[in-house]
Amino acid sequence: MGESNAGIHDTKIHSSPDHFSTHWFGCVVTASLPAVNYYSRPPNTSALKTQVVYYFAEDSNPLFSQTVARLGTWGIPATRLDSSQLTTNQTLTMTSTPDSFILFTGDWIASRVNENQTQTFLFHVLSKGAKVVAIEGQTGALFDALTNAHVINGGTRPQAYSSATGCRLKTGTGQYGGTYLYPSNLYQNTTAPDALIQGWNDWLTGP
C-alpha cells in the first residue's frame, strides 16, 4: 500500500441495514486491509470534537495509551472511567448519550465478555447512541461481548487481532415508514495513532 493511502484505506466501515432481527441487529464485517504504520498528515478531527470521549485503562497497552494521549494533542480531552463503577447511575448517565465515544483495550473487553455488568453497560450505552471502540489486543472479542449483550446477532467476525474494532447503532427507515436500528461497524488495521483517529472521524461522518 502506498503512502498516499495511509490512514484512509486502513479503515473499513461497514453498515448493514439489511441484516437485522426483530429483537436487535445483525452484524456483517468486512475483511481487513494490510497494516499501515505511518501517517503523513494531521488527522481531520472535526467530527470527533463534537464527541465526549471516555476510556477505561485498567488493561492499557502502548498503542492505546499513545492514542489517548494523541487525542489530547489534537484538542480532544478524554475522561477516564472506573470499571468498578460500570453500571452506576453516574457512569450510565454520563456515557449513555449520542455524543459519547467510549474507548477500551481489546484485552479489557475480552476479559469481560461474559460479565453481566459489562453486558448491561454495552446494551445501555449503544441503545442510547454511544460509540464503542476496542484498541489493540483481542479486539474481535468486542463482537462476542455485543452478541452476549443482545446488541447484535453475531454473524461474520473480523480477525481477532486487528488494531481496532468498533460499533455504533444507526437508525434506518423501513419500507412502510417505521424505523429500526442497525450496526455500523469499524474495523481498522494500523498501528499509527493519528490514522486510528482519522478513521474514527471518517466513521462518524460516513454513510
Foldseek 3Di string as FASTA:
>chain_A
DDQVCFLPQLKDKDWDPPAQDPQAEADDDDAGDAADADHDDFADCPLLQQAAAEEEDPPPDDLRVVLQVVCVVVPHHYHYDDPVCLPPPVNLVVQQAQRYEYEYALVVLLVCLPPPSLLVNVVRNQVSNYKYKHAFDQQQSVLSSCCNSVNHVRYDTYPRGAGMKMWHWDWDADPVGDIGIYIIMMTGHYSYSSSVSNSVSCSSPDD
